[in-house]
């Protein structure tokens, strides 16, 4: 899944993406940037 990396300032395909939920119950994908290894998040909605 593609997500925005804040450190690289670019959209990249995240590696090791896993679906999780926020405290308020909103679904999101969390993974790592393949270039700089920073945590990336993408909000999927309810």
PDB file of N, CA and C in Angstrom:
ATOM      1  N   UNK A   1       0.841  -1.177   0.000  1.00  0.00           N
ATOM      2  CA  UNK A   1       0.000   0.000   0.000  1.00  0.00           C
ATOM      3  C   UNK A   1       0.887   1.242   0.000  1.00  0.00           C
ATOM      4  N   UNK A   2       0.444   2.246  -0.710  1.00  0.00           N
ATOM      5  CA  UNK A   2       1.202   3.483  -0.815  1.00  0.00           C
ATOM      6  C   UNK A   2       0.831   4.427   0.328  1.00  0.00           C
ATOM      7  N   UNK A   3       1.844   5.066   0.897  1.00  0.00           N
ATOM      8  CA  UNK A   3       1.625   6.018   1.983  1.00  0.00           C
ATOM      9  C   UNK A   3       2.655   7.138   1.870  1.00  0.00           C
ATOM     10  N   UNK A   4       2.428   8.224   2.624  1.00  0.00           N
ATOM     11  CA  UNK A   4       3.318   9.385   2.581  1.00  0.00           C
ATOM     12  C   UNK A   4       4.371   9.270   3.679  1.00  0.00           C
ATOM     13  N   UNK A   5       5.629   9.422   3.295  1.00  0.00           N
ATOM     14  CA  UNK A   5       6.725   9.435   4.263  1.00  0.00           C
ATOM     15  C   UNK A   5       7.027  10.886   4.623  1.00  0.00           C
ATOM     16  N   UNK A   6       6.941  11.225   5.889  1.00  0.00           N
ATOM     17  CA  UNK A   6       7.154  12.592   6.353  1.00  0.00           C
ATOM     18  C   UNK A   6       8.634  12.973   6.237  1.00  0.00           C
ATOM     19  N   UNK A   7       9.513  12.031   6.473  1.00  0.00           N
ATOM     20  CA  UNK A   7      10.944  12.319   6.436  1.00  0.00           C
ATOM     21  C   UNK A   7      11.440  12.512   4.994  1.00  0.00           C
ATOM     22  N   UNK A   8      11.021  11.637   4.072  1.00  0.00           N
ATOM     23  CA  UNK A   8      11.437  11.743   2.658  1.00  0.00           C
ATOM     24  C   UNK A   8      10.615  12.783   1.892  1.00  0.00           C
ATOM     25  N   UNK A   9       9.449  13.136   2.427  1.00  0.00           N
ATOM     26  CA  UNK A   9       8.512  14.052   1.770  1.00  0.00           C
ATOM     27  C   UNK A   9       8.080  13.537   0.397  1.00  0.00           C
ATOM     28  N   UNK A  10       7.737  12.222   0.358  1.00  0.00           N
ATOM     29  CA  UNK A  10       7.308  11.607  -0.892  1.00  0.00           C
ATOM     30  C   UNK A  10       6.382  10.430  -0.595  1.00  0.00           C
ATOM     31  N   UNK A  11       5.548  10.073  -1.576  1.00  0.00           N
ATOM     32  CA  UNK A  11       4.707   8.883  -1.450  1.00  0.00           C
ATOM     33  C   UNK A  11       5.528   7.674  -1.868  1.00  0.00           C
ATOM     34  N   UNK A  12       5.490   6.644  -1.043  1.00  0.00           N
ATOM     35  CA  UNK A  12       6.240   5.418  -1.316  1.00  0.00           C
ATOM     36  C   UNK A  12       5.400   4.205  -0.939  1.00  0.00           C
ATOM     37  N   UNK A  13       5.749   3.068  -1.498  1.00  0.00           N
ATOM     38  CA  UNK A  13       5.111   1.805  -1.158  1.00  0.00           C
ATOM     39  C   UNK A  13       5.665   1.354   0.192  1.00  0.00           C
ATOM     40  N   UNK A  14       4.795   1.212   1.201  1.00  0.00           N
ATOM     41  CA  UNK A  14       5.282   0.840   2.534  1.00  0.00           C
ATOM     42  C   UNK A  14       5.590  -0.650   2.605  1.00  0.00           C
ATOM     43  N   UNK A  15       6.582  -0.991   3.416  1.00  0.00           N
ATOM     44  CA  UNK A  15       6.909  -2.402   3.615  1.00  0.00           C
ATOM     45  C   UNK A  15       6.430  -2.831   4.998  1.00  0.00           C
ATOM     46  N   UNK A  16       6.102  -4.088   5.143  1.00  0.00           N
ATOM     47  CA  UNK A  16       5.625  -4.671   6.406  1.00  0.00           C
ATOM     48  C   UNK A  16       4.376  -3.951   6.920  1.00  0.00           C
ATOM     49  N   UNK A  17       3.443  -3.642   6.033  1.00  0.00           N
ATOM     50  CA  UNK A  17       2.215  -2.944   6.424  1.00  0.00           C
ATOM     51  C   UNK A  17       1.264  -3.843   7.195  1.00  0.00           C
ATOM     52  N   UNK A  18       0.753  -3.337   8.299  1.00  0.00           N
ATOM     53  CA  UNK A  18      -0.211  -4.070   9.124  1.00  0.00           C
ATOM     54  C   UNK A  18      -1.374  -3.156   9.468  1.00  0.00           C
ATOM     55  N   UNK A  19      -2.577  -3.701   9.416  1.00  0.00           N
ATOM     56  CA  UNK A  19      -3.763  -2.916   9.739  1.00  0.00           C
ATOM     57  C   UNK A  19      -3.951  -2.871  11.251  1.00  0.00           C
ATOM     58  N   UNK A  20      -4.281  -1.693  11.763  1.00  0.00           N
ATOM     59  CA  UNK A  20      -4.545  -1.521  13.188  1.00  0.00           C
ATOM     60  C   UNK A  20      -5.639  -0.482  13.349  1.00  0.00           C
ATOM     61  N   UNK A  21      -6.014  -0.200  14.595  1.00  0.00           N
ATOM     62  CA  UNK A  21      -7.043   0.793  14.877  1.00  0.00           C
ATOM     63  C   UNK A  21      -6.494   1.855  15.809  1.00  0.00           C
ATOM     64  N   UNK A  22      -7.005   3.077  15.650  1.00  0.00           N
ATOM     65  CA  UNK A  22      -6.645   4.153  16.556  1.00  0.00           C
ATOM     66  C   UNK A  22      -7.501   4.038  17.816  1.00  0.00           C
ATOM     67  N   UNK A  23      -7.271   4.908  18.754  1.00  0.00           N
ATOM     68  CA  UNK A  23      -8.033   4.909  20.006  1.00  0.00           C
ATOM     69  C   UNK A  23      -9.511   5.170  19.729  1.00  0.00           C
ATOM     70  N   UNK A  24      -9.805   6.004  18.729  1.00  0.00           N
ATOM     71  CA  UNK A  24     -11.186   6.342  18.396  1.00  0.00           C
ATOM     72  C   UNK A  24     -11.847   5.326  17.477  1.00  0.00           C
ATOM     73  N   UNK A  25     -11.139   4.264  17.092  1.00  0.00           N
ATOM     74  CA  UNK A  25     -11.726   3.197  16.294  1.00  0.00           C
ATOM     75  C   UNK A  25     -11.583   3.352  14.790  1.00  0.00           C
ATOM     76  N   UNK A  26     -10.746   4.263  14.331  1.00  0.00           N
ATOM     77  CA  UNK A  26     -10.526   4.458  12.906  1.00  0.00           C
ATOM     78  C   UNK A  26      -9.445   3.488  12.433  1.00  0.00           C
ATOM     79  N   UNK A  27      -9.707   2.791  11.313  1.00  0.00           N
ATOM     80  CA  UNK A  27      -8.732   1.838  10.785  1.00  0.00           C
ATOM     81  C   UNK A  27      -7.567   2.581  10.127  1.00  0.00           C
ATOM     82  N   UNK A  28      -6.365   1.998  10.251  1.00  0.00           N
ATOM     83  CA  UNK A  28      -5.184   2.590   9.624  1.00  0.00           C
ATOM     84  C   UNK A  28      -4.167   1.505   9.311  1.00  0.00           C
ATOM     85  N   UNK A  29      -3.303   1.786   8.352  1.00  0.00           N
ATOM     86  CA  UNK A  29      -2.205   0.880   8.017  1.00  0.00           C
ATOM     87  C   UNK A  29      -0.922   1.499   8.548  1.00  0.00           C
ATOM     88  N   UNK A  30      -0.098   0.679   9.181  1.00  0.00           N
ATOM     89  CA  UNK A  30       1.200   1.126   9.688  1.00  0.00           C
ATOM     90  C   UNK A  30       2.275   0.253   9.066  1.00  0.00           C
ATOM     91  N   UNK A  31       3.352   0.892   8.637  1.00  0.00           N
ATOM     92  CA  UNK A  31       4.467   0.165   8.049  1.00  0.00           C
ATOM     93  C   UNK A  31       5.735   0.996   8.112  1.00  0.00           C
ATOM     94  N   UNK A  32       6.733   0.567   7.368  1.00  0.00           N
ATOM     95  CA  UNK A  32       8.025   1.253   7.350  1.00  0.00           C
ATOM     96  C   UNK A  32       8.327   1.750   5.942  1.00  0.00           C
ATOM     97  N   UNK A  33       9.047   2.869   5.877  1.00  0.00           N
ATOM     98  CA  UNK A  33       9.506   3.407   4.600  1.00  0.00           C
ATOM     99  C   UNK A  33      10.668   2.540   4.115  1.00  0.00           C
ATOM    100  N   UNK A  34      10.638   2.092   2.850  1.00  0.00           N
ATOM    101  CA  UNK A  34      11.731   1.242   2.358  1.00  0.00           C
ATOM    102  C   UNK A  34      13.064   1.979   2.215  1.00  0.00           C
ATOM    103  N   UNK A  35      13.034   3.305   2.114  1.00  0.00           N
ATOM    104  CA  UNK A  35      14.266   4.071   1.902  1.00  0.00           C
ATOM    105  C   UNK A  35      14.924   4.493   3.219  1.00  0.00           C
ATOM    106  N   UNK A  36      14.126   5.094   4.148  1.00  0.00           N
ATOM    107  CA  UNK A  36      14.725   5.647   5.372  1.00  0.00           C
ATOM    108  C   UNK A  36      14.302   4.907   6.646  1.00  0.00           C
ATOM    109  N   UNK A  37      13.422   3.915   6.534  1.00  0.00           N
ATOM    110  CA  UNK A  37      12.979   3.067   7.651  1.00  0.00           C
ATOM    111  C   UNK A  37      12.193   3.831   8.715  1.00  0.00           C
ATOM    112  N   UNK A  38      11.552   4.937   8.336  1.00  0.00           N
ATOM    113  CA  UNK A  38      10.689   5.692   9.235  1.00  0.00           C
ATOM    114  C   UNK A  38       9.295   5.058   9.242  1.00  0.00           C
ATOM    115  N   UNK A  39       8.598   5.135  10.359  1.00  0.00           N
ATOM    116  CA  UNK A  39       7.236   4.613  10.434  1.00  0.00           C
ATOM    117  C   UNK A  39       6.310   5.456   9.582  1.00  0.00           C
ATOM    118  N   UNK A  40       5.496   4.774   8.742  1.00  0.00           N
ATOM    119  CA  UNK A  40       4.526   5.443   7.874  1.00  0.00           C
ATOM    120  C   UNK A  40       3.131   5.012   8.286  1.00  0.00           C
ATOM    121  N   UNK A  41       2.166   5.914   8.178  1.00  0.00           N
ATOM    122  CA  UNK A  41       0.778   5.605   8.512  1.00  0.00           C
ATOM    123  C   UNK A  41      -0.133   6.091   7.386  1.00  0.00           C
ATOM    124  N   UNK A  42      -1.222   5.333   7.161  1.00  0.00           N
ATOM    125  CA  UNK A  42      -2.233   5.749   6.209  1.00  0.00           C
ATOM    126  C   UNK A  42      -3.591   5.461   6.831  1.00  0.00           C
ATOM    127  N   UNK A  43      -4.444   6.501   6.904  1.00  0.00           N
ATOM    128  CA  UNK A  43      -5.772   6.371   7.471  1.00  0.00           C
ATOM    129  C   UNK A  43      -6.694   5.737   6.419  1.00  0.00           C
ATOM    130  N   UNK A  44      -7.432   4.689   6.809  1.00  0.00           N
ATOM    131  CA  UNK A  44      -8.317   3.979   5.892  1.00  0.00           C
ATOM    132  C   UNK A  44      -9.778   4.362   6.084  1.00  0.00           C
ATOM    133  N   UNK A  45     -10.162   4.872   7.224  1.00  0.00           N
ATOM    134  CA  UNK A  45     -11.547   5.223   7.496  1.00  0.00           C
ATOM    135  C   UNK A  45     -12.209   4.180   8.396  1.00  0.00           C
ATOM    136  N   UNK A  46     -13.500   4.374   8.649  1.00  0.00           N
ATOM    137  CA  UNK A  46     -14.192   3.474   9.575  1.00  0.00           C
ATOM    138  C   UNK A  46     -14.624   2.230   8.941  1.00  0.00           C
TER     139      UNK A  46
END
